[in-house]
């Protein structure tokens, strides 16, 4: 997700192309973080939009003291922290998602479709297990395990010491 600092400067100075490049680079990671925290695609899409708006409107406050990705994750965490807490998920919600997926047009006899279905099922189960964690611990787990954020960057994002 790393963005060149000149893209930020250009975007602040009105370059639509630079702003487009920034959004293109951050929207996937922002969506993935939101999906892992909120668990549902619809909620993650809404969260992504809110976070992208906050990034765009706050772009001029980025001073380059941390990596741009760290700054974006901090915005995402601060902007959506209340949503992460206020979207309790349950095994029933994921069960209904799985039932809908099974009832869809997945051809269980097609090896490629069966493999995709299997991967989706694993991700859904992981999301259910993540719900057993409180939102802050879930965030830490997701950043470290799924996004490979090291302890130094994790410290900047969460405000914890790198040792923690």
N, C-alpha and C. Protein backbone atom coordinates (compact mmCIF):
# COMPACT_ATOMS: atom_id res chain seq x y z
N UNK A 1 0.81 -1.18 0.00
CA UNK A 1 0.00 0.00 0.00
C UNK A 1 0.86 1.25 0.00
N UNK A 2 2.14 1.13 -0.06
CA UNK A 2 2.97 2.33 0.14
C UNK A 2 2.81 3.30 -1.02
N UNK A 3 2.64 4.53 -0.67
CA UNK A 3 2.41 5.62 -1.61
C UNK A 3 3.65 6.52 -1.59
N UNK A 4 4.03 6.96 -2.75
CA UNK A 4 5.14 7.91 -2.82
C UNK A 4 4.68 9.25 -2.27
N UNK A 5 5.55 9.92 -1.53
CA UNK A 5 5.20 11.19 -0.90
C UNK A 5 4.83 12.24 -1.93
N UNK A 6 5.43 12.17 -3.13
CA UNK A 6 5.08 13.17 -4.14
C UNK A 6 3.65 13.01 -4.61
N UNK A 7 3.07 11.78 -4.56
CA UNK A 7 1.65 11.61 -4.88
C UNK A 7 0.79 12.38 -3.89
N UNK A 8 1.18 12.32 -2.62
CA UNK A 8 0.43 13.04 -1.59
C UNK A 8 0.52 14.54 -1.85
N UNK A 9 1.72 15.03 -2.09
CA UNK A 9 1.90 16.46 -2.37
C UNK A 9 1.11 16.88 -3.60
N UNK A 10 1.16 16.07 -4.65
CA UNK A 10 0.42 16.39 -5.87
C UNK A 10 -1.09 16.40 -5.61
N UNK A 11 -1.56 15.42 -4.85
CA UNK A 11 -3.00 15.34 -4.55
C UNK A 11 -3.44 16.56 -3.73
N UNK A 12 -2.64 16.95 -2.77
CA UNK A 12 -2.96 18.13 -1.96
C UNK A 12 -3.04 19.37 -2.84
N UNK A 13 -2.19 19.41 -3.87
CA UNK A 13 -2.16 20.55 -4.78
C UNK A 13 -3.19 20.44 -5.91
N UNK A 14 -4.10 19.47 -5.81
CA UNK A 14 -5.21 19.40 -6.75
C UNK A 14 -5.10 18.40 -7.87
N UNK A 15 -4.08 17.55 -7.88
CA UNK A 15 -3.95 16.57 -8.96
C UNK A 15 -4.94 15.42 -8.77
N UNK A 16 -5.90 15.32 -9.69
CA UNK A 16 -6.88 14.24 -9.64
C UNK A 16 -6.21 12.89 -9.90
N UNK A 17 -5.20 12.88 -10.76
CA UNK A 17 -4.50 11.64 -11.07
C UNK A 17 -3.76 11.11 -9.84
N UNK A 18 -3.10 11.99 -9.12
CA UNK A 18 -2.38 11.57 -7.91
C UNK A 18 -3.35 11.08 -6.85
N UNK A 19 -4.46 11.80 -6.68
CA UNK A 19 -5.47 11.37 -5.72
C UNK A 19 -6.04 10.00 -6.13
N UNK A 20 -6.28 9.82 -7.40
CA UNK A 20 -6.76 8.53 -7.90
C UNK A 20 -5.78 7.41 -7.61
N UNK A 21 -4.49 7.68 -7.79
CA UNK A 21 -3.46 6.68 -7.52
C UNK A 21 -3.43 6.32 -6.03
N UNK A 22 -3.59 7.32 -5.18
CA UNK A 22 -3.61 7.07 -3.74
C UNK A 22 -4.80 6.19 -3.38
N UNK A 23 -5.98 6.58 -3.84
CA UNK A 23 -7.20 5.82 -3.52
C UNK A 23 -7.08 4.40 -4.06
N UNK A 24 -6.59 4.26 -5.27
CA UNK A 24 -6.44 2.93 -5.86
C UNK A 24 -5.53 2.03 -5.02
N UNK A 25 -4.49 2.62 -4.44
CA UNK A 25 -3.55 1.84 -3.63
C UNK A 25 -4.05 1.52 -2.24
N UNK A 26 -4.93 2.34 -1.69
CA UNK A 26 -5.34 2.10 -0.30
C UNK A 26 -6.70 1.43 -0.16
N UNK A 27 -7.54 1.47 -1.19
CA UNK A 27 -8.90 0.98 -1.00
C UNK A 27 -8.96 -0.53 -0.71
N UNK A 28 -8.09 -1.32 -1.31
CA UNK A 28 -8.08 -2.76 -1.03
C UNK A 28 -7.71 -3.07 0.42
N UNK A 29 -6.57 -2.56 0.89
CA UNK A 29 -6.21 -2.81 2.29
C UNK A 29 -7.24 -2.25 3.29
N UNK A 30 -7.81 -1.09 2.99
CA UNK A 30 -8.82 -0.52 3.89
C UNK A 30 -10.05 -1.41 3.92
N UNK A 31 -10.48 -1.89 2.76
CA UNK A 31 -11.63 -2.80 2.71
C UNK A 31 -11.32 -4.09 3.47
N UNK A 32 -10.14 -4.66 3.25
CA UNK A 32 -9.79 -5.91 3.92
C UNK A 32 -9.76 -5.76 5.43
N UNK A 33 -9.20 -4.66 5.92
CA UNK A 33 -9.19 -4.42 7.36
C UNK A 33 -10.61 -4.30 7.87
N UNK A 34 -11.43 -3.54 7.18
CA UNK A 34 -12.83 -3.36 7.59
C UNK A 34 -13.59 -4.68 7.57
N UNK A 35 -13.35 -5.48 6.55
CA UNK A 35 -14.03 -6.77 6.46
C UNK A 35 -13.63 -7.69 7.61
N UNK A 36 -12.36 -7.71 7.92
CA UNK A 36 -11.90 -8.56 9.03
C UNK A 36 -12.44 -8.08 10.37
N UNK A 37 -12.60 -6.77 10.50
CA UNK A 37 -13.11 -6.23 11.77
C UNK A 37 -14.63 -6.35 11.86
N UNK A 38 -15.32 -6.10 10.76
CA UNK A 38 -16.79 -6.06 10.80
C UNK A 38 -17.43 -7.37 10.38
N UNK A 39 -16.74 -8.14 9.55
CA UNK A 39 -17.20 -9.48 9.22
C UNK A 39 -18.18 -9.59 8.07
N UNK A 40 -18.81 -8.52 7.67
CA UNK A 40 -19.80 -8.59 6.60
C UNK A 40 -19.40 -7.64 5.48
N UNK A 41 -19.54 -8.11 4.26
CA UNK A 41 -19.12 -7.35 3.08
C UNK A 41 -19.84 -6.00 3.02
N UNK A 42 -21.14 -6.00 3.28
CA UNK A 42 -21.90 -4.75 3.19
C UNK A 42 -21.38 -3.72 4.19
N UNK A 43 -21.12 -4.15 5.42
CA UNK A 43 -20.59 -3.24 6.44
C UNK A 43 -19.18 -2.77 6.08
N UNK A 44 -18.38 -3.68 5.54
CA UNK A 44 -17.01 -3.33 5.17
C UNK A 44 -16.99 -2.32 4.02
N UNK A 45 -17.90 -2.45 3.07
CA UNK A 45 -17.99 -1.48 1.96
C UNK A 45 -18.33 -0.10 2.49
N UNK A 46 -19.30 -0.05 3.42
CA UNK A 46 -19.67 1.25 4.02
C UNK A 46 -18.49 1.84 4.78
N UNK A 47 -17.83 1.01 5.57
CA UNK A 47 -16.68 1.48 6.35
C UNK A 47 -15.57 1.97 5.43
N UNK A 48 -15.32 1.24 4.36
CA UNK A 48 -14.28 1.65 3.39
C UNK A 48 -14.58 3.03 2.84
N UNK A 49 -15.82 3.26 2.45
CA UNK A 49 -16.19 4.57 1.90
C UNK A 49 -15.97 5.68 2.93
N UNK A 50 -16.40 5.44 4.17
CA UNK A 50 -16.22 6.44 5.22
C UNK A 50 -14.74 6.73 5.45
N UNK A 51 -13.94 5.69 5.48
CA UNK A 51 -12.50 5.84 5.73
C UNK A 51 -11.82 6.57 4.57
N UNK A 52 -12.18 6.21 3.34
CA UNK A 52 -11.58 6.89 2.18
C UNK A 52 -11.93 8.38 2.18
N UNK A 53 -13.16 8.70 2.54
CA UNK A 53 -13.55 10.11 2.62
C UNK A 53 -12.71 10.82 3.67
N UNK A 54 -12.52 10.18 4.82
CA UNK A 54 -11.72 10.78 5.89
C UNK A 54 -10.27 10.96 5.43
N UNK A 55 -9.72 9.98 4.72
CA UNK A 55 -8.35 10.09 4.22
C UNK A 55 -8.26 11.27 3.24
N UNK A 56 -9.21 11.36 2.32
CA UNK A 56 -9.17 12.44 1.33
C UNK A 56 -9.28 13.80 2.00
N UNK A 57 -10.21 13.92 2.95
CA UNK A 57 -10.41 15.23 3.59
C UNK A 57 -9.30 15.58 4.58
N UNK A 58 -8.52 14.58 4.99
CA UNK A 58 -7.44 14.83 5.95
C UNK A 58 -6.06 14.79 5.30
N UNK A 59 -6.01 14.60 4.01
CA UNK A 59 -4.74 14.40 3.31
C UNK A 59 -3.72 15.50 3.60
N UNK A 60 -4.18 16.72 3.70
CA UNK A 60 -3.24 17.82 3.94
C UNK A 60 -2.62 17.76 5.33
N UNK A 61 -3.17 16.94 6.24
CA UNK A 61 -2.60 16.83 7.58
C UNK A 61 -1.49 15.78 7.66
N UNK A 62 -1.29 15.01 6.58
CA UNK A 62 -0.21 14.03 6.56
C UNK A 62 1.12 14.77 6.43
N UNK A 63 1.98 14.58 7.43
CA UNK A 63 3.25 15.31 7.48
C UNK A 63 4.46 14.45 7.14
N UNK A 64 4.25 13.17 6.85
CA UNK A 64 5.37 12.31 6.48
C UNK A 64 6.20 11.82 7.65
N UNK A 65 5.69 11.97 8.88
CA UNK A 65 6.44 11.52 10.05
C UNK A 65 6.35 10.00 10.24
N UNK A 66 5.41 9.38 9.58
CA UNK A 66 5.28 7.92 9.60
C UNK A 66 5.03 7.48 8.16
N UNK A 67 5.05 6.18 7.94
CA UNK A 67 4.70 5.69 6.61
C UNK A 67 3.27 6.09 6.30
N UNK A 68 2.99 6.30 5.04
CA UNK A 68 1.63 6.67 4.65
C UNK A 68 0.65 5.58 5.04
N UNK A 69 1.04 4.31 4.86
CA UNK A 69 0.14 3.20 5.23
C UNK A 69 -0.19 3.22 6.71
N UNK A 70 0.78 3.56 7.55
CA UNK A 70 0.54 3.65 8.99
C UNK A 70 -0.47 4.76 9.27
N UNK A 71 -0.31 5.89 8.61
CA UNK A 71 -1.23 7.01 8.77
C UNK A 71 -2.64 6.61 8.35
N UNK A 72 -2.78 5.88 7.24
CA UNK A 72 -4.10 5.44 6.77
C UNK A 72 -4.71 4.46 7.76
N UNK A 73 -3.92 3.49 8.25
CA UNK A 73 -4.46 2.53 9.22
C UNK A 73 -4.91 3.24 10.49
N UNK A 74 -4.16 4.25 10.92
CA UNK A 74 -4.57 5.00 12.12
C UNK A 74 -5.90 5.69 11.88
N UNK A 75 -6.07 6.27 10.72
CA UNK A 75 -7.35 6.91 10.39
C UNK A 75 -8.45 5.85 10.38
N UNK A 76 -8.17 4.71 9.76
CA UNK A 76 -9.18 3.65 9.69
C UNK A 76 -9.59 3.20 11.09
N UNK A 77 -8.62 2.99 11.94
CA UNK A 77 -8.91 2.53 13.30
C UNK A 77 -9.68 3.60 14.06
N UNK A 78 -9.25 4.84 13.99
CA UNK A 78 -9.93 5.92 14.70
C UNK A 78 -11.32 6.19 14.15
N UNK A 79 -11.46 6.18 12.85
CA UNK A 79 -12.74 6.49 12.21
C UNK A 79 -13.76 5.39 12.46
N UNK A 80 -13.35 4.16 12.43
CA UNK A 80 -14.32 3.07 12.49
C UNK A 80 -14.31 2.31 13.81
N UNK A 81 -13.54 2.77 14.78
CA UNK A 81 -13.46 2.04 16.04
C UNK A 81 -14.83 1.83 16.65
N UNK A 82 -15.67 2.85 16.63
CA UNK A 82 -17.01 2.71 17.20
C UNK A 82 -17.83 1.70 16.40
N UNK A 83 -17.65 1.66 15.09
CA UNK A 83 -18.38 0.69 14.29
C UNK A 83 -17.92 -0.73 14.58
N UNK A 84 -16.60 -0.90 14.82
CA UNK A 84 -16.10 -2.23 15.14
C UNK A 84 -16.75 -2.74 16.42
N UNK A 85 -16.96 -1.84 17.37
CA UNK A 85 -17.57 -2.22 18.65
C UNK A 85 -19.07 -2.42 18.49
N UNK A 86 -19.70 -1.61 17.66
CA UNK A 86 -21.16 -1.62 17.54
C UNK A 86 -21.71 -2.60 16.52
N UNK A 87 -20.87 -3.41 15.93
CA UNK A 87 -21.32 -4.43 14.98
C UNK A 87 -21.04 -5.82 15.54
N UNK A 88 -21.73 -6.19 16.60
CA UNK A 88 -21.47 -7.53 17.12
C UNK A 88 -21.92 -8.58 16.10
N UNK A 89 -21.09 -9.54 15.91
CA UNK A 89 -21.41 -10.61 14.97
C UNK A 89 -21.66 -11.88 15.76
N UNK A 90 -22.35 -12.77 15.13
CA UNK A 90 -22.65 -14.02 15.81
C UNK A 90 -22.44 -15.18 14.86
N UNK A 91 -22.41 -16.36 15.44
CA UNK A 91 -22.27 -17.56 14.62
C UNK A 91 -23.49 -17.71 13.72
N UNK A 92 -24.65 -17.23 14.16
CA UNK A 92 -25.86 -17.32 13.35
C UNK A 92 -25.75 -16.48 12.08
N UNK A 93 -25.16 -15.28 12.22
CA UNK A 93 -24.99 -14.42 11.05
C UNK A 93 -24.10 -15.10 10.02
N UNK A 94 -22.99 -15.67 10.47
CA UNK A 94 -22.09 -16.35 9.54
C UNK A 94 -22.72 -17.62 9.00
N UNK A 95 -23.49 -18.29 9.83
CA UNK A 95 -24.20 -19.49 9.36
C UNK A 95 -25.15 -19.15 8.23
N UNK A 96 -25.87 -18.04 8.36
CA UNK A 96 -26.79 -17.65 7.30
C UNK A 96 -26.03 -17.24 6.04
N UNK A 97 -24.86 -16.60 6.21
CA UNK A 97 -24.02 -16.27 5.05
C UNK A 97 -23.57 -17.54 4.34
N UNK A 98 -23.16 -18.53 5.10
CA UNK A 98 -22.72 -19.79 4.51
C UNK A 98 -23.89 -20.49 3.82
N UNK A 99 -25.05 -20.49 4.45
CA UNK A 99 -26.23 -21.09 3.83
C UNK A 99 -26.56 -20.42 2.51
N UNK A 100 -26.48 -19.07 2.48
CA UNK A 100 -26.75 -18.35 1.23
C UNK A 100 -25.73 -18.71 0.16
N UNK A 101 -24.46 -18.85 0.59
CA UNK A 101 -23.41 -19.18 -0.37
C UNK A 101 -23.62 -20.58 -0.92
N UNK A 102 -23.97 -21.52 -0.06
CA UNK A 102 -24.20 -22.90 -0.49
C UNK A 102 -25.40 -22.96 -1.42
N UNK A 103 -26.42 -22.16 -1.11
CA UNK A 103 -27.63 -22.16 -1.94
C UNK A 103 -27.42 -21.44 -3.27
N UNK A 104 -26.30 -20.74 -3.40
CA UNK A 104 -26.03 -20.03 -4.66
C UNK A 104 -25.66 -21.03 -5.74
N UNK A 105 -25.13 -20.54 -6.81
CA UNK A 105 -24.88 -21.39 -7.98
C UNK A 105 -23.53 -22.10 -7.94
N UNK A 106 -22.98 -22.36 -6.75
CA UNK A 106 -21.70 -23.06 -6.68
C UNK A 106 -21.90 -24.51 -7.11
N UNK A 107 -21.13 -24.90 -8.11
CA UNK A 107 -21.18 -26.27 -8.60
C UNK A 107 -20.20 -27.11 -7.79
N UNK A 108 -20.71 -27.89 -6.83
CA UNK A 108 -19.86 -28.67 -5.94
C UNK A 108 -19.13 -29.80 -6.67
N UNK A 109 -19.52 -30.09 -7.89
CA UNK A 109 -18.82 -31.12 -8.65
C UNK A 109 -17.65 -30.55 -9.46
N UNK A 110 -17.60 -29.24 -9.59
CA UNK A 110 -16.53 -28.57 -10.31
C UNK A 110 -15.38 -28.33 -9.34
N UNK A 111 -14.20 -28.95 -9.59
CA UNK A 111 -13.08 -28.81 -8.64
C UNK A 111 -12.67 -27.36 -8.38
N UNK A 112 -12.66 -26.53 -9.41
CA UNK A 112 -12.25 -25.13 -9.23
C UNK A 112 -13.25 -24.39 -8.34
N UNK A 113 -14.54 -24.55 -8.61
CA UNK A 113 -15.55 -23.89 -7.79
C UNK A 113 -15.56 -24.45 -6.38
N UNK A 114 -15.33 -25.73 -6.24
CA UNK A 114 -15.31 -26.34 -4.91
C UNK A 114 -14.13 -25.79 -4.10
N UNK A 115 -12.98 -25.57 -4.75
CA UNK A 115 -11.82 -25.02 -4.07
C UNK A 115 -12.10 -23.59 -3.60
N UNK A 116 -12.69 -22.79 -4.48
CA UNK A 116 -13.04 -21.41 -4.12
C UNK A 116 -14.02 -21.42 -2.95
N UNK A 117 -15.02 -22.28 -3.01
CA UNK A 117 -16.00 -22.39 -1.93
C UNK A 117 -15.31 -22.77 -0.63
N UNK A 118 -14.37 -23.70 -0.71
CA UNK A 118 -13.63 -24.15 0.48
C UNK A 118 -12.85 -22.99 1.10
N UNK A 119 -12.20 -22.18 0.26
CA UNK A 119 -11.45 -21.03 0.76
C UNK A 119 -12.38 -20.00 1.39
N UNK A 120 -13.52 -19.76 0.77
CA UNK A 120 -14.50 -18.82 1.33
C UNK A 120 -15.00 -19.32 2.69
N UNK A 121 -15.22 -20.61 2.77
CA UNK A 121 -15.68 -21.19 4.04
C UNK A 121 -14.62 -21.03 5.13
N UNK A 122 -13.35 -21.24 4.78
CA UNK A 122 -12.26 -21.05 5.75
C UNK A 122 -12.21 -19.60 6.24
N UNK A 123 -12.33 -18.66 5.31
CA UNK A 123 -12.32 -17.25 5.70
C UNK A 123 -13.51 -16.91 6.60
N UNK A 124 -14.65 -17.47 6.28
CA UNK A 124 -15.83 -17.21 7.09
C UNK A 124 -15.65 -17.78 8.50
N UNK A 125 -15.08 -18.96 8.59
CA UNK A 125 -14.82 -19.56 9.91
C UNK A 125 -13.80 -18.74 10.70
N UNK A 126 -12.78 -18.24 10.01
CA UNK A 126 -11.80 -17.38 10.68
C UNK A 126 -12.48 -16.13 11.21
N UNK A 127 -13.37 -15.55 10.43
CA UNK A 127 -14.10 -14.37 10.88
C UNK A 127 -14.93 -14.68 12.13
N UNK A 128 -15.55 -15.84 12.16
CA UNK A 128 -16.33 -16.22 13.34
C UNK A 128 -15.42 -16.32 14.56
N UNK A 129 -14.27 -16.94 14.40
CA UNK A 129 -13.34 -17.08 15.52
C UNK A 129 -12.83 -15.71 15.98
N UNK A 130 -12.62 -14.80 15.04
CA UNK A 130 -12.16 -13.47 15.41
C UNK A 130 -13.18 -12.74 16.29
N UNK A 131 -14.44 -13.11 16.15
CA UNK A 131 -15.48 -12.45 16.94
C UNK A 131 -15.37 -12.79 18.42
N UNK A 132 -14.63 -13.83 18.75
CA UNK A 132 -14.43 -14.19 20.16
C UNK A 132 -13.47 -13.21 20.85
N UNK A 133 -12.74 -12.44 20.06
CA UNK A 133 -11.81 -11.45 20.62
C UNK A 133 -12.52 -10.11 20.78
N UNK A 134 -12.07 -9.32 21.75
CA UNK A 134 -12.63 -7.97 21.83
C UNK A 134 -12.08 -7.18 20.62
N UNK A 135 -12.74 -6.08 20.26
CA UNK A 135 -12.34 -5.38 19.03
C UNK A 135 -10.88 -4.96 18.97
N UNK A 136 -10.30 -4.52 20.08
CA UNK A 136 -8.90 -4.07 20.05
C UNK A 136 -7.96 -5.26 19.84
N UNK A 137 -8.20 -6.37 20.54
CA UNK A 137 -7.38 -7.56 20.35
C UNK A 137 -7.55 -8.12 18.94
N UNK A 138 -8.77 -8.02 18.41
CA UNK A 138 -9.03 -8.46 17.04
C UNK A 138 -8.20 -7.63 16.07
N UNK A 139 -8.18 -6.31 16.29
CA UNK A 139 -7.39 -5.43 15.44
C UNK A 139 -5.92 -5.80 15.48
N UNK A 140 -5.39 -6.03 16.65
CA UNK A 140 -3.98 -6.39 16.79
C UNK A 140 -3.69 -7.70 16.06
N UNK A 141 -4.55 -8.69 16.25
CA UNK A 141 -4.37 -9.98 15.57
C UNK A 141 -4.40 -9.80 14.05
N UNK A 142 -5.38 -9.05 13.56
CA UNK A 142 -5.52 -8.85 12.12
C UNK A 142 -4.31 -8.13 11.53
N UNK A 143 -3.89 -7.05 12.19
CA UNK A 143 -2.73 -6.30 11.68
C UNK A 143 -1.48 -7.18 11.64
N UNK A 144 -1.25 -7.94 12.71
CA UNK A 144 -0.03 -8.75 12.78
C UNK A 144 -0.07 -9.98 11.92
N UNK A 145 -1.18 -10.71 11.98
CA UNK A 145 -1.25 -12.00 11.30
C UNK A 145 -1.66 -11.90 9.84
N UNK A 146 -2.65 -11.09 9.56
CA UNK A 146 -3.19 -11.04 8.21
C UNK A 146 -2.54 -9.97 7.34
N UNK A 147 -2.06 -8.87 7.97
CA UNK A 147 -1.47 -7.78 7.22
C UNK A 147 0.04 -7.72 7.38
N UNK A 148 0.61 -8.63 8.16
CA UNK A 148 2.06 -8.69 8.38
C UNK A 148 2.66 -7.37 8.85
N UNK A 149 1.92 -6.63 9.66
CA UNK A 149 2.42 -5.38 10.22
C UNK A 149 3.39 -5.73 11.34
N UNK A 150 4.61 -5.20 11.29
CA UNK A 150 5.58 -5.53 12.34
C UNK A 150 5.27 -4.75 13.61
N UNK A 151 5.95 -5.09 14.70
CA UNK A 151 5.63 -4.52 16.00
C UNK A 151 5.87 -3.01 16.05
N UNK A 152 6.85 -2.52 15.30
CA UNK A 152 7.12 -1.08 15.30
C UNK A 152 5.95 -0.33 14.67
N UNK A 153 5.50 -0.77 13.50
CA UNK A 153 4.37 -0.12 12.85
C UNK A 153 3.09 -0.35 13.64
N UNK A 154 2.93 -1.56 14.18
CA UNK A 154 1.77 -1.84 15.00
C UNK A 154 1.69 -0.91 16.20
N UNK A 155 2.83 -0.58 16.75
CA UNK A 155 2.90 0.34 17.86
C UNK A 155 2.41 1.73 17.46
N UNK A 156 2.82 2.19 16.28
CA UNK A 156 2.38 3.50 15.80
C UNK A 156 0.87 3.53 15.54
N UNK A 157 0.36 2.44 15.00
CA UNK A 157 -1.07 2.38 14.67
C UNK A 157 -1.94 2.31 15.91
N UNK A 158 -1.55 1.47 16.85
CA UNK A 158 -2.41 1.19 18.02
C UNK A 158 -2.09 2.04 19.24
N UNK A 159 -0.90 2.62 19.29
CA UNK A 159 -0.52 3.38 20.46
C UNK A 159 0.06 2.53 21.57
N UNK A 160 0.19 1.23 21.34
CA UNK A 160 0.83 0.34 22.31
C UNK A 160 2.35 0.39 22.13
N UNK A 161 3.06 -0.07 23.11
CA UNK A 161 4.51 -0.17 22.94
C UNK A 161 4.80 -1.32 21.96
N UNK A 162 5.92 -1.25 21.30
CA UNK A 162 6.30 -2.30 20.36
C UNK A 162 6.41 -3.66 21.04
N UNK A 163 6.82 -3.66 22.30
CA UNK A 163 6.94 -4.92 23.04
C UNK A 163 5.58 -5.57 23.25
N UNK A 164 4.58 -4.75 23.51
CA UNK A 164 3.22 -5.29 23.69
C UNK A 164 2.66 -5.75 22.39
